[in-house]
Amino acid sequence: MSRIVATSLLAITLAVSLASPTHAELTPWDQAKVTDLAKQLAEASNSLYGTFYKQPAPQVGSGQGNDYRELKQEVRRIQSEAKELAGALGKGEGREDTFDIYENLMQLVRDAREDVRRVFTTKDVQDRATAMRQLLNQISPYYDPDAQPLQPVMR
């Protein structure tokens, strides 16, 4: 009888542990470090923006025109959100006050990552995007305990 009880308890414990997802902890907030990362992110977004706008636009009839224009707007909005995040953190605003800005930025990044798969970009643009990705991977654990590192975009 005790074997049945032990087996039942083991099954219940296993079911409960599988049903309740484990969450990682947020990285302890370090205002100076997060602010510095956000400043670097704003600089990297400026560099990405400038480099993206210097690359040649797709040729008419290439089928990339709409995707290119959409990506162009996303890059501009990423630059704007990164600048806003750096500014807010620079004024001393913390995680709670800047979380929505971070979330908006990450949504734009996710959208741009989808669009970039359909648009030709130069190596310079890819290098600038890599720099941004590396900074986002450093700042994300301060905002999202379950943040997964962004991987290079596969085409």
Protein backbone atom coordinates (compact mmCIF):
# COMPACT_ATOMS: atom_id res chain seq x y z
CA MET A 1 0.00 0.00 0.00
CA SER A 2 2.81 2.43 0.79
CA ARG A 3 4.26 1.81 -2.66
CA ILE A 4 0.98 3.02 -4.22
CA VAL A 5 0.95 6.11 -1.99
CA ALA A 6 4.59 6.88 -2.83
CA THR A 7 3.93 6.46 -6.55
CA SER A 8 0.86 8.68 -6.31
CA LEU A 9 2.79 11.38 -4.44
CA LEU A 10 5.56 11.25 -7.02
CA ALA A 11 3.03 11.57 -9.85
CA ILE A 12 1.31 14.52 -8.16
CA THR A 13 4.64 16.25 -7.47
CA LEU A 14 5.72 15.77 -11.08
CA ALA A 15 2.38 17.05 -12.40
CA VAL A 16 2.51 20.15 -10.20
CA SER A 17 6.10 20.93 -11.16
CA LEU A 18 5.26 20.62 -14.86
CA ALA A 19 2.08 22.66 -14.52
CA SER A 20 3.69 25.62 -12.77
CA PRO A 21 6.29 27.19 -15.02
CA THR A 22 9.52 28.26 -13.43
CA HIS A 23 10.53 31.84 -13.95
CA ALA A 24 14.04 33.11 -13.83
CA GLU A 25 14.81 36.08 -11.67
CA LEU A 26 15.27 39.56 -13.04
CA THR A 27 18.84 40.75 -13.03
CA PRO A 28 19.18 43.05 -10.00
CA TRP A 29 18.57 46.62 -11.14
CA ASP A 30 21.71 48.69 -11.61
CA GLN A 31 20.64 52.17 -12.70
CA ALA A 32 24.11 53.24 -13.83
CA LYS A 33 24.74 50.07 -15.86
CA VAL A 34 21.29 50.01 -17.49
CA THR A 35 21.58 53.72 -18.30
CA ASP A 36 25.01 53.15 -19.86
CA LEU A 37 23.68 50.22 -21.92
CA ALA A 38 20.72 52.32 -23.06
CA LYS A 39 23.05 55.16 -24.12
CA GLN A 40 25.12 52.67 -26.11
CA LEU A 41 21.91 51.27 -27.58
CA ALA A 42 20.80 54.76 -28.67
CA GLU A 43 24.20 55.34 -30.30
CA ALA A 44 24.03 51.95 -32.02
CA SER A 45 20.51 52.70 -33.27
CA ASN A 46 21.74 56.02 -34.70
CA SER A 47 24.50 54.16 -36.49
CA LEU A 48 22.06 51.53 -37.79
CA TYR A 49 19.66 54.23 -38.97
CA GLY A 50 22.37 56.18 -40.80
CA THR A 51 23.84 53.09 -42.41
CA PHE A 52 20.44 51.72 -43.44
CA TYR A 53 19.50 54.99 -45.13
CA LYS A 54 22.81 55.02 -47.05
CA GLN A 55 22.30 51.57 -48.56
CA PRO A 56 20.76 51.46 -52.02
CA ALA A 57 17.01 50.99 -52.16
CA PRO A 58 15.76 47.83 -53.91
CA GLN A 59 15.29 48.13 -57.63
CA VAL A 60 11.79 48.67 -58.94
CA GLY A 61 10.21 45.31 -59.71
CA SER A 62 12.41 43.39 -57.27
CA GLY A 63 9.40 42.61 -55.08
CA GLN A 64 11.10 44.11 -52.04
CA GLY A 65 9.72 47.66 -52.28
CA ASN A 66 6.95 47.40 -49.70
CA ASP A 67 9.04 45.33 -47.29
CA TYR A 68 11.91 47.79 -47.66
CA ARG A 69 9.69 50.80 -46.88
CA GLU A 70 8.20 49.01 -43.87
CA LEU A 71 11.66 48.08 -42.58
CA LYS A 72 12.83 51.66 -43.14
CA GLN A 73 10.04 52.94 -40.89
CA GLU A 74 10.76 50.30 -38.26
CA VAL A 75 14.44 51.27 -38.17
CA ARG A 76 13.41 54.91 -37.70
CA ARG A 77 11.02 53.98 -34.87
CA ILE A 78 13.65 51.73 -33.23
CA GLN A 79 16.00 54.71 -33.23
CA SER A 80 13.31 56.87 -31.64
CA GLU A 81 12.44 54.32 -28.92
CA ALA A 82 16.11 53.66 -28.09
CA LYS A 83 16.68 57.40 -27.72
CA GLU A 84 13.58 57.70 -25.51
CA LEU A 85 14.74 54.80 -23.31
CA ALA A 86 18.21 56.31 -22.88
CA GLY A 87 16.71 59.71 -22.08
CA ALA A 88 14.28 58.37 -19.47
CA LEU A 89 16.96 56.28 -17.77
CA GLY A 90 19.34 59.25 -17.90
CA LYS A 91 16.76 61.30 -15.96
CA GLY A 92 16.80 58.64 -13.25
CA GLU A 93 13.64 56.75 -14.19
CA GLY A 94 13.79 53.11 -13.14
CA ARG A 95 12.58 49.76 -14.41
CA GLU A 96 8.89 50.35 -13.75
CA ASP A 97 8.93 53.80 -15.37
CA THR A 98 10.78 52.63 -18.48
CA PHE A 99 9.27 49.16 -18.92
CA ASP A 100 6.71 50.28 -21.52
CA ILE A 101 9.43 51.97 -23.59
CA TYR A 102 11.50 48.77 -23.44
CA GLU A 103 8.47 46.68 -24.47
CA ASN A 104 7.71 48.99 -27.42
CA LEU A 105 11.34 48.83 -28.51
CA MET A 106 11.40 45.04 -28.33
CA GLN A 107 8.15 44.76 -30.33
CA LEU A 108 9.68 46.96 -33.05
CA VAL A 109 12.82 44.82 -33.02
CA ARG A 110 10.77 41.63 -33.38
CA ASP A 111 8.82 43.16 -36.29
CA ALA A 112 12.00 44.37 -37.99
CA ARG A 113 13.60 40.94 -37.58
CA GLU A 114 10.68 39.44 -39.50
CA ASP A 115 10.84 42.05 -42.27
CA VAL A 116 14.61 41.95 -42.70
CA ARG A 117 14.33 38.34 -43.85
CA ARG A 118 12.59 39.59 -47.00
CA VAL A 119 14.85 42.56 -47.76
CA PHE A 120 18.41 42.65 -49.02
CA THR A 121 20.71 44.51 -46.63
CA THR A 122 24.38 45.36 -46.98
CA LYS A 123 27.07 43.94 -44.71
CA ASP A 124 27.38 47.36 -43.04
CA VAL A 125 23.71 47.26 -42.04
CA GLN A 126 24.06 43.69 -40.81
CA ASP A 127 27.08 44.68 -38.70
CA ARG A 128 25.18 47.60 -37.12
CA ALA A 129 22.20 45.32 -36.43
CA THR A 130 24.55 42.83 -34.75
CA ALA A 131 25.86 45.58 -32.45
CA MET A 132 22.29 46.48 -31.50
CA ARG A 133 21.38 42.82 -30.95
CA GLN A 134 24.34 42.37 -28.59
CA LEU A 135 23.31 45.42 -26.54
CA LEU A 136 19.66 44.30 -26.41
CA ASN A 137 20.85 40.91 -25.15
CA GLN A 138 22.66 42.70 -22.30
CA ILE A 139 19.78 45.00 -21.30
CA SER A 140 16.90 42.51 -21.65
CA PRO A 141 17.55 40.53 -18.42
CA TYR A 142 16.98 43.75 -16.44
CA TYR A 143 13.43 43.94 -17.83
CA ASP A 144 12.43 40.36 -18.66
CA PRO A 145 13.39 37.45 -16.43
CA ASP A 146 12.59 35.01 -19.24
CA ALA A 147 14.42 36.92 -21.97
CA GLN A 148 16.01 34.67 -24.53
CA PRO A 149 19.10 36.05 -26.28
CA LEU A 150 18.33 37.33 -29.76
CA GLN A 151 20.05 35.20 -32.36
CA PRO A 152 21.27 36.39 -35.75
CA VAL A 153 18.47 36.56 -38.32
CA MET A 154 18.50 33.60 -40.66
CA ARG A 155 17.52 34.27 -44.24
